[in-house]
PDB file of N, CA and C in Angstrom:
ATOM      1  N   UNK A   1     -43.910-106.186 -16.290  1.00  0.00           N
ATOM      2  CA  UNK A   1     -44.375-104.700 -15.391  1.00  0.00           C
ATOM      3  C   UNK A   1     -44.703-103.850 -15.897  1.00  0.00           C
ATOM      4  N   UNK A   2     -46.254-103.200 -15.747  1.00  0.00           N
ATOM      5  CA  UNK A   2     -46.005-102.266 -16.142  1.00  0.00           C
ATOM      6  C   UNK A   2     -45.090-100.634 -16.001  1.00  0.00           C
ATOM      7  N   UNK A   3     -45.370-100.137 -17.772  1.00  0.00           N
ATOM      8  CA  UNK A   3     -44.246 -98.634 -17.153  1.00  0.00           C
ATOM      9  C   UNK A   3     -44.698 -97.648 -15.971  1.00  0.00           C
ATOM     10  N   UNK A   4     -46.241 -98.300 -15.361  1.00  0.00           N
ATOM     11  CA  UNK A   4     -46.143 -96.864 -14.300  1.00  0.00           C
ATOM     12  C   UNK A   4     -45.998 -97.978 -13.480  1.00  0.00           C
ATOM     13  N   UNK A   5     -45.162 -98.948 -12.733  1.00  0.00           N
ATOM     14  CA  UNK A   5     -45.696 -99.561 -11.710  1.00  0.00           C
ATOM     15  C   UNK A   5     -43.327 -99.351 -12.106  1.00  0.00           C
ATOM     16  N   UNK A   6     -43.451 -98.939 -12.894  1.00  0.00           N
ATOM     17  CA  UNK A   6     -41.985 -98.963 -12.650  1.00  0.00           C
ATOM     18  C   UNK A   6     -41.335 -97.547 -12.452  1.00  0.00           C
ATOM     19  N   UNK A   7     -42.133 -96.991 -12.915  1.00  0.00           N
ATOM     20  CA  UNK A   7     -41.697 -95.656 -12.571  1.00  0.00           C
ATOM     21  C   UNK A   7     -42.411 -95.274 -10.610  1.00  0.00           C
ATOM     22  N   UNK A   8     -43.001 -96.104 -10.325  1.00  0.00           N
ATOM     23  CA  UNK A   8     -43.624 -95.807  -9.362  1.00  0.00           C
ATOM     24  C   UNK A   8     -42.285 -96.332  -8.456  1.00  0.00           C
ATOM     25  N   UNK A   9     -42.116 -97.051  -8.573  1.00  0.00           N
ATOM     26  CA  UNK A   9     -41.216 -97.659  -8.396  1.00  0.00           C
ATOM     27  C   UNK A   9     -39.562 -96.898  -7.604  1.00  0.00           C
ATOM     28  N   UNK A  10     -39.343 -96.437  -8.886  1.00  0.00           N
ATOM     29  CA  UNK A  10     -38.461 -95.471  -8.469  1.00  0.00           C
ATOM     30  C   UNK A  10     -38.074 -93.818  -7.769  1.00  0.00           C
ATOM     31  N   UNK A  11     -39.787 -93.720  -7.118  1.00  0.00           N
ATOM     32  CA  UNK A  11     -39.730 -92.372  -6.449  1.00  0.00           C
ATOM     33  C   UNK A  11     -38.791 -92.235  -5.360  1.00  0.00           C
ATOM     34  N   UNK A  12     -39.142 -93.856  -4.309  1.00  0.00           N
ATOM     35  CA  UNK A  12     -38.487 -94.336  -3.578  1.00  0.00           C
ATOM     36  C   UNK A  12     -36.924 -93.649  -3.496  1.00  0.00           C
ATOM     37  N   UNK A  13     -36.352 -93.820  -4.883  1.00  0.00           N
ATOM     38  CA  UNK A  13     -34.666 -94.083  -4.897  1.00  0.00           C
ATOM     39  C   UNK A  13     -34.305 -91.992  -5.048  1.00  0.00           C
ATOM     40  N   UNK A  14     -35.752 -91.531  -5.828  1.00  0.00           N
ATOM     41  CA  UNK A  14     -35.317 -90.089  -5.817  1.00  0.00           C
ATOM     42  C   UNK A  14     -35.255 -89.660  -4.614  1.00  0.00           C
ATOM     43  N   UNK A  15     -36.631 -89.930  -3.445  1.00  0.00           N
ATOM     44  CA  UNK A  15     -36.437 -89.288  -2.634  1.00  0.00           C
ATOM     45  C   UNK A  15     -35.267 -89.474  -1.259  1.00  0.00           C
ATOM     46  N   UNK A  16     -34.239 -90.774  -1.491  1.00  0.00           N
ATOM     47  CA  UNK A  16     -32.999 -91.170  -0.758  1.00  0.00           C
ATOM     48  C   UNK A  16     -31.971 -90.382  -1.053  1.00  0.00           C
ATOM     49  N   UNK A  17     -32.317 -90.475  -2.404  1.00  0.00           N
ATOM     50  CA  UNK A  17     -31.455 -89.073  -3.764  1.00  0.00           C
ATOM     51  C   UNK A  17     -31.066 -88.832  -2.830  1.00  0.00           C
ATOM     52  N   UNK A  18     -31.970 -87.885  -3.204  1.00  0.00           N
ATOM     53  CA  UNK A  18     -32.095 -86.212  -2.287  1.00  0.00           C
ATOM     54  C   UNK A  18     -32.218 -85.703  -0.770  1.00  0.00           C
ATOM     55  N   UNK A  19     -32.456 -87.263  -0.423  1.00  0.00           N
ATOM     56  CA  UNK A  19     -31.866 -86.924   1.257  1.00  0.00           C
ATOM     57  C   UNK A  19     -30.585 -87.493   1.598  1.00  0.00           C
ATOM     58  N   UNK A  20     -29.926 -87.579   0.099  1.00  0.00           N
ATOM     59  CA  UNK A  20     -28.355 -88.327   1.064  1.00  0.00           C
ATOM     60  C   UNK A  20     -28.103 -86.945   0.312  1.00  0.00           C
ATOM     61  N   UNK A  21     -27.680 -86.219  -1.088  1.00  0.00           N
ATOM     62  CA  UNK A  21     -27.614 -84.698  -1.388  1.00  0.00           C
ATOM     63  C   UNK A  21     -27.833 -84.068  -0.455  1.00  0.00           C
ATOM     64  N   UNK A  22     -28.840 -83.670   0.632  1.00  0.00           N
ATOM     65  CA  UNK A  22     -29.314 -82.270   1.537  1.00  0.00           C
ATOM     66  C   UNK A  22     -28.047 -82.529   2.366  1.00  0.00           C
ATOM     67  N   UNK A  23     -28.296 -84.089   3.043  1.00  0.00           N
ATOM     68  CA  UNK A  23     -26.904 -84.469   4.328  1.00  0.00           C
ATOM     69  C   UNK A  23     -25.867 -84.063   3.796  1.00  0.00           C
ATOM     70  N   UNK A  24     -25.465 -84.207   2.761  1.00  0.00           N
ATOM     71  CA  UNK A  24     -23.415 -84.119   2.485  1.00  0.00           C
ATOM     72  C   UNK A  24     -23.524 -82.624   2.023  1.00  0.00           C
ATOM     73  N   UNK A  25     -24.224 -81.656   1.360  1.00  0.00           N
ATOM     74  CA  UNK A  25     -24.375 -80.283   1.241  1.00  0.00           C
ATOM     75  C   UNK A  25     -24.239 -79.650   3.308  1.00  0.00           C
ATOM     76  N   UNK A  26     -25.039 -80.571   4.166  1.00  0.00           N
ATOM     77  CA  UNK A  26     -25.211 -79.724   5.131  1.00  0.00           C
ATOM     78  C   UNK A  26     -23.398 -79.738   6.202  1.00  0.00           C
ATOM     79  N   UNK A  27     -23.639 -81.512   6.079  1.00  0.00           N
ATOM     80  CA  UNK A  27     -21.856 -82.002   6.137  1.00  0.00           C
ATOM     81  C   UNK A  27     -21.007 -80.803   6.260  1.00  0.00           C
ATOM     82  N   UNK A  28     -20.602 -80.523   4.709  1.00  0.00           N
ATOM     83  CA  UNK A  28     -19.847 -79.628   3.951  1.00  0.00           C
ATOM     84  C   UNK A  28     -19.965 -78.144   4.122  1.00  0.00           C
ATOM     85  N   UNK A  29     -21.214 -77.383   4.423  1.00  0.00           N
ATOM     86  CA  UNK A  29     -20.951 -76.559   5.109  1.00  0.00           C
ATOM     87  C   UNK A  29     -20.984 -76.142   6.505  1.00  0.00           C
ATOM     88  N   UNK A  30     -20.937 -77.651   7.157  1.00  0.00           N
ATOM     89  CA  UNK A  30     -20.645 -77.121   8.947  1.00  0.00           C
ATOM     90  C   UNK A  30     -18.612 -77.648   8.696  1.00  0.00           C
ATOM     91  N   UNK A  31     -18.069 -77.778   7.247  1.00  0.00           N
ATOM     92  CA  UNK A  31     -16.954 -78.611   7.828  1.00  0.00           C
ATOM     93  C   UNK A  31     -16.349 -77.223   7.070  1.00  0.00           C
ATOM     94  N   UNK A  32     -17.272 -76.478   6.705  1.00  0.00           N
ATOM     95  CA  UNK A  32     -16.642 -75.382   5.976  1.00  0.00           C
ATOM     96  C   UNK A  32     -16.093 -73.693   6.785  1.00  0.00           C
ATOM     97  N   UNK A  33     -17.552 -73.978   7.830  1.00  0.00           N
ATOM     98  CA  UNK A  33     -17.806 -72.847   8.499  1.00  0.00           C
ATOM     99  C   UNK A  33     -17.549 -73.375  10.392  1.00  0.00           C
ATOM    100  N   UNK A  34     -16.270 -73.353  10.301  1.00  0.00           N
ATOM    101  CA  UNK A  34     -16.093 -73.952  11.433  1.00  0.00           C
ATOM    102  C   UNK A  34     -14.846 -73.085  12.711  1.00  0.00           C
ATOM    103  N   UNK A  35     -15.171 -71.536  11.751  1.00  0.00           N
ATOM    104  CA  UNK A  35     -14.630 -70.382  12.181  1.00  0.00           C
ATOM    105  C   UNK A  35     -15.313 -69.929  13.895  1.00  0.00           C
ATOM    106  N   UNK A  36     -14.925 -69.611  15.223  1.00  0.00           N
ATOM    107  CA  UNK A  36     -15.759 -69.708  16.445  1.00  0.00           C
ATOM    108  C   UNK A  36     -15.503 -68.500  16.673  1.00  0.00           C
ATOM    109  N   UNK A  37     -17.364 -67.645  16.882  1.00  0.00           N
ATOM    110  CA  UNK A  37     -17.575 -66.230  16.584  1.00  0.00           C
ATOM    111  C   UNK A  37     -18.317 -65.733  18.120  1.00  0.00           C
ATOM    112  N   UNK A  38     -18.776 -65.641  18.481  1.00  0.00           N
ATOM    113  CA  UNK A  38     -19.210 -64.633  19.664  1.00  0.00           C
ATOM    114  C   UNK A  38     -20.760 -63.602  18.878  1.00  0.00           C
ATOM    115  N   UNK A  39     -21.571 -63.760  19.349  1.00  0.00           N
ATOM    116  CA  UNK A  39     -22.639 -62.907  19.077  1.00  0.00           C
ATOM    117  C   UNK A  39     -23.430 -61.827  19.799  1.00  0.00           C
ATOM    118  N   UNK A  40     -23.374 -60.714  19.504  1.00  0.00           N
ATOM    119  CA  UNK A  40     -23.373 -59.713  20.142  1.00  0.00           C
ATOM    120  C   UNK A  40     -25.164 -59.443  19.885  1.00  0.00           C
ATOM    121  N   UNK A  41     -26.405 -59.397  20.747  1.00  0.00           N
ATOM    122  CA  UNK A  41     -28.097 -60.061  19.873  1.00  0.00           C
ATOM    123  C   UNK A  41     -28.356 -58.652  21.297  1.00  0.00           C
ATOM    124  N   UNK A  42     -29.277 -57.495  20.807  1.00  0.00           N
ATOM    125  CA  UNK A  42     -29.643 -57.151  21.695  1.00  0.00           C
ATOM    126  C   UNK A  42     -29.044 -56.800  23.428  1.00  0.00           C
ATOM    127  N   UNK A  43     -28.119 -56.478  23.616  1.00  0.00           N
ATOM    128  CA  UNK A  43     -26.809 -56.716  24.548  1.00  0.00           C
ATOM    129  C   UNK A  43     -27.140 -57.573  25.282  1.00  0.00           C
ATOM    130  N   UNK A  44     -27.258 -59.034  24.705  1.00  0.00           N
ATOM    131  CA  UNK A  44     -26.852 -60.537  25.139  1.00  0.00           C
ATOM    132  C   UNK A  44     -25.975 -60.499  24.333  1.00  0.00           C
ATOM    133  N   UNK A  45     -24.456 -61.274  25.213  1.00  0.00           N
ATOM    134  CA  UNK A  45     -23.438 -62.316  24.401  1.00  0.00           C
ATOM    135  C   UNK A  45     -23.892 -63.468  24.575  1.00  0.00           C
ATOM    136  N   UNK A  46     -24.024 -63.733  23.361  1.00  0.00           N
ATOM    137  CA  UNK A  46     -23.637 -65.423  22.944  1.00  0.00           C
ATOM    138  C   UNK A  46     -22.668 -65.757  23.697  1.00  0.00           C
ATOM    139  N   UNK A  47     -22.709 -67.063  23.625  1.00  0.00           N
ATOM    140  CA  UNK A  47     -21.812 -68.365  23.769  1.00  0.00           C
ATOM    141  C   UNK A  47     -20.843 -67.893  22.470  1.00  0.00           C
ATOM    142  N   UNK A  48     -19.630 -68.398  22.453  1.00  0.00           N
ATOM    143  CA  UNK A  48     -19.016 -68.939  21.328  1.00  0.00           C
ATOM    144  C   UNK A  48     -18.856 -69.636  21.026  1.00  0.00           C
ATOM    145  N   UNK A  49     -19.227 -69.945  19.827  1.00  0.00           N
ATOM    146  CA  UNK A  49     -19.734 -71.359  18.983  1.00  0.00           C
ATOM    147  C   UNK A  49     -19.755 -70.684  17.449  1.00  0.00           C
ATOM    148  N   UNK A  50     -19.058 -72.209  16.460  1.00  0.00           N
ATOM    149  CA  UNK A  50     -18.628 -71.699  15.684  1.00  0.00           C
ATOM    150  C   UNK A  50     -20.235 -71.389  14.103  1.00  0.00           C
ATOM    151  N   UNK A  51     -19.428 -71.049  13.233  1.00  0.00           N
ATOM    152  CA  UNK A  51     -20.877 -69.934  12.472  1.00  0.00           C
ATOM    153  C   UNK A  51     -21.648 -71.142  11.791  1.00  0.00           C
ATOM    154  N   UNK A  52     -21.139 -71.836  11.527  1.00  0.00           N
ATOM    155  CA  UNK A  52     -22.274 -72.942  10.746  1.00  0.00           C
ATOM    156  C   UNK A  52     -23.032 -73.501  11.967  1.00  0.00           C
ATOM    157  N   UNK A  53     -22.890 -73.171  13.203  1.00  0.00           N
ATOM    158  CA  UNK A  53     -23.860 -73.809  14.555  1.00  0.00           C
ATOM    159  C   UNK A  53     -25.013 -72.155  13.990  1.00  0.00           C
ATOM    160  N   UNK A  54     -24.339 -71.135  14.077  1.00  0.00           N
ATOM    161  CA  UNK A  54     -25.614 -70.235  14.436  1.00  0.00           C
ATOM    162  C   UNK A  54     -26.488 -70.039  13.562  1.00  0.00           C
ATOM    163  N   UNK A  55     -25.793 -70.248  12.277  1.00  0.00           N
ATOM    164  CA  UNK A  55     -26.880 -70.198  10.796  1.00  0.00           C
ATOM    165  C   UNK A  55     -27.538 -71.278  10.898  1.00  0.00           C
ATOM    166  N   UNK A  56     -27.648 -72.704  11.536  1.00  0.00           N
ATOM    167  CA  UNK A  56     -27.864 -74.192  11.818  1.00  0.00           C
ATOM    168  C   UNK A  56     -29.562 -73.775  12.438  1.00  0.00           C
ATOM    169  N   UNK A  57     -28.576 -72.901  13.691  1.00  0.00           N
ATOM    170  CA  UNK A  57     -29.816 -72.634  14.720  1.00  0.00           C
ATOM    171  C   UNK A  57     -30.821 -71.563  14.209  1.00  0.00           C
ATOM    172  N   UNK A  58     -30.310 -70.692  13.347  1.00  0.00           N
ATOM    173  CA  UNK A  58     -31.159 -69.800  13.119  1.00  0.00           C
ATOM    174  C   UNK A  58     -32.410 -70.439  11.762  1.00  0.00           C
ATOM    175  N   UNK A  59     -31.808 -71.297  10.701  1.00  0.00           N
ATOM    176  CA  UNK A  59     -32.684 -71.867   9.596  1.00  0.00           C
ATOM    177  C   UNK A  59     -33.732 -72.716  10.842  1.00  0.00           C
ATOM    178  N   UNK A  60     -33.149 -73.280  12.045  1.00  0.00           N
ATOM    179  CA  UNK A  60     -34.147 -73.966  12.333  1.00  0.00           C
ATOM    180  C   UNK A  60     -35.753 -73.341  13.221  1.00  0.00           C
ATOM    181  N   UNK A  61     -34.516 -72.356  13.962  1.00  0.00           N
ATOM    182  CA  UNK A  61     -35.639 -71.412  14.292  1.00  0.00           C
ATOM    183  C   UNK A  61     -36.538 -70.543  13.767  1.00  0.00           C
ATOM    184  N   UNK A  62     -36.290 -70.431  12.369  1.00  0.00           N
ATOM    185  CA  UNK A  62     -37.447 -69.793  11.184  1.00  0.00           C
ATOM    186  C   UNK A  62     -38.339 -71.493  10.692  1.00  0.00           C
ATOM    187  N   UNK A  63     -37.799 -71.915  10.547  1.00  0.00           N
ATOM    188  CA  UNK A  63     -38.561 -73.504  10.583  1.00  0.00           C
ATOM    189  C   UNK A  63     -39.777 -73.505  11.339  1.00  0.00           C
ATOM    190  N   UNK A  64     -39.087 -73.458  12.630  1.00  0.00           N
ATOM    191  CA  UNK A  64     -40.432 -73.799  13.430  1.00  0.00           C
ATOM    192  C   UNK A  64     -41.471 -72.515  13.586  1.00  0.00           C
ATOM    193  N   UNK A  65     -40.587 -71.197  13.514  1.00  0.00           N
ATOM    194  CA  UNK A  65     -41.763 -69.365  13.782  1.00  0.00           C
ATOM    195  C   UNK A  65     -42.830 -69.466  12.217  1.00  0.00           C
ATOM    196  N   UNK A  66     -42.272 -69.479  11.246  1.00  0.00           N
ATOM    197  CA  UNK A  66     -42.512 -68.852  10.191  1.00  0.00           C
ATOM    198  C   UNK A  66     -44.097 -69.757  10.168  1.00  0.00           C
ATOM    199  N   UNK A  67     -44.072 -71.117  10.368  1.00  0.00           N
ATOM    200  CA  UNK A  67     -45.116 -71.439  10.302  1.00  0.00           C
ATOM    201  C   UNK A  67     -46.246 -70.744  10.894  1.00  0.00           C
ATOM    202  N   UNK A  68     -46.557 -70.246  11.940  1.00  0.00           N
ATOM    203  CA  UNK A  68     -46.842 -70.130  12.999  1.00  0.00           C
ATOM    204  C   UNK A  68     -47.373 -68.144  12.477  1.00  0.00           C
ATOM    205  N   UNK A  69     -46.615 -67.704  12.190  1.00  0.00           N
ATOM    206  CA  UNK A  69     -46.899 -66.353  10.779  1.00  0.00           C
ATOM    207  C   UNK A  69     -47.453 -66.874  10.078  1.00  0.00           C
ATOM    208  N   UNK A  70     -47.646 -67.728   9.073  1.00  0.00           N
ATOM    209  CA  UNK A  70     -48.834 -67.930   8.259  1.00  0.00           C
ATOM    210  C   UNK A  70     -50.059 -68.520   7.962  1.00  0.00           C
ATOM    211  N   UNK A  71     -50.122 -69.292   9.576  1.00  0.00           N
ATOM    212  CA  UNK A  71     -50.789 -69.733  10.288  1.00  0.00           C
ATOM    213  C   UNK A  71     -52.006 -68.824  10.658  1.00  0.00           C
ATOM    214  N   UNK A  72     -50.848 -67.717  10.998  1.00  0.00           N
ATOM    215  CA  UNK A  72     -51.867 -66.020  11.826  1.00  0.00           C
ATOM    216  C   UNK A  72     -52.443 -65.660  10.487  1.00  0.00           C
ATOM    217  N   UNK A  73     -51.719 -65.125   9.388  1.00  0.00           N
ATOM    218  CA  UNK A  73     -52.257 -65.129   8.508  1.00  0.00           C
ATOM    219  C   UNK A  73     -53.281 -64.717   7.690  1.00  0.00           C
ATOM    220  N   UNK A  74     -53.192 -66.401   7.538  1.00  0.00           N
ATOM    221  CA  UNK A  74     -54.089 -66.925   6.442  1.00  0.00           C
ATOM    222  C   UNK A  74     -55.543 -67.279   7.804  1.00  0.00           C
ATOM    223  N   UNK A  75     -55.631 -67.172   8.692  1.00  0.00           N
ATOM    224  CA  UNK A  75     -56.457 -66.898   9.910  1.00  0.00           C
ATOM    225  C   UNK A  75     -57.591 -65.390   9.575  1.00  0.00           C
ATOM    226  N   UNK A  76     -56.313 -64.378   9.607  1.00  0.00           N
ATOM    227  CA  UNK A  76     -56.621 -63.246   9.463  1.00  0.00           C
ATOM    228  C   UNK A  76     -57.481 -62.854   8.086  1.00  0.00           C
ATOM    229  N   UNK A  77     -56.747 -63.737   7.030  1.00  0.00           N
ATOM    230  CA  UNK A  77     -57.779 -63.638   5.650  1.00  0.00           C
ATOM    231  C   UNK A  77     -59.280 -64.331   5.768  1.00  0.00           C
ATOM    232  N   UNK A  78     -58.854 -65.644   6.310  1.00  0.00           N
ATOM    233  CA  UNK A  78     -60.023 -66.346   6.201  1.00  0.00           C
ATOM    234  C   UNK A  78     -61.163 -65.494   7.454  1.00  0.00           C
ATOM    235  N   UNK A  79     -60.618 -65.417   8.271  1.00  0.00           N
ATOM    236  CA  UNK A  79     -61.699 -63.917   9.107  1.00  0.00           C
ATOM    237  C   UNK A  79     -62.826 -62.946   8.125  1.00  0.00           C
ATOM    238  N   UNK A  80     -61.358 -62.633   7.483  1.00  0.00           N
ATOM    239  CA  UNK A  80     -61.582 -61.467   6.930  1.00  0.00           C
ATOM    240  C   UNK A  80     -62.226 -61.874   5.683  1.00  0.00           C
ATOM    241  N   UNK A  81     -62.957 -62.479   4.613  1.00  0.00           N
ATOM    242  CA  UNK A  81     -63.720 -62.740   3.649  1.00  0.00           C
ATOM    243  C   UNK A  81     -64.867 -62.914   4.458  1.00  0.00           C
ATOM    244  N   UNK A  82     -64.653 -64.118   5.928  1.00  0.00           N
ATOM    245  CA  UNK A  82     -66.250 -63.764   6.435  1.00  0.00           C
ATOM    246  C   UNK A  82     -66.935 -63.134   6.983  1.00  0.00           C
ATOM    247  N   UNK A  83     -66.488 -61.974   7.101  1.00  0.00           N
ATOM    248  CA  UNK A  83     -66.879 -60.980   7.367  1.00  0.00           C
ATOM    249  C   UNK A  83     -67.598 -59.901   6.669  1.00  0.00           C
ATOM    250  N   UNK A  84     -67.200 -60.233   5.416  1.00  0.00           N
ATOM    251  CA  UNK A  84     -67.316 -59.504   4.476  1.00  0.00           C
ATOM    252  C   UNK A  84     -68.897 -60.000   3.422  1.00  0.00           C
ATOM    253  N   UNK A  85     -68.520 -61.576   3.414  1.00  0.00           N
ATOM    254  CA  UNK A  85     -69.482 -61.887   2.935  1.00  0.00           C
ATOM    255  C   UNK A  85     -71.198 -61.556   4.028  1.00  0.00           C
ATOM    256  N   UNK A  86     -71.229 -62.121   5.122  1.00  0.00           N
ATOM    257  CA  UNK A  86     -72.430 -60.992   5.607  1.00  0.00           C
ATOM    258  C   UNK A  86     -72.591 -60.169   6.129  1.00  0.00           C
ATOM    259  N   UNK A  87     -71.876 -59.350   5.410  1.00  0.00           N
ATOM    260  CA  UNK A  87     -72.203 -57.671   5.926  1.00  0.00           C
ATOM    261  C   UNK A  87     -73.265 -56.977   4.245  1.00  0.00           C
TER     262      UNK A  87
END
């Protein structure tokens, strides 16, 4: 087996190890942040939930909404570059 084939065979293991590490970190975060809180946001009183759940929901919302802002900025810049080219 060549050295290139051996290094390519190790890559799935690295990804698996990273995935397990991330899952363990998330589990540790959730277990350490079990205090129940209520959030008052713009006059809306949210239900009492663990801090970890609010943090993970905020992360997920940011991961969903963030790419849309990036796409908007990219398209705005792309259109600006094209309009300047033909002026």
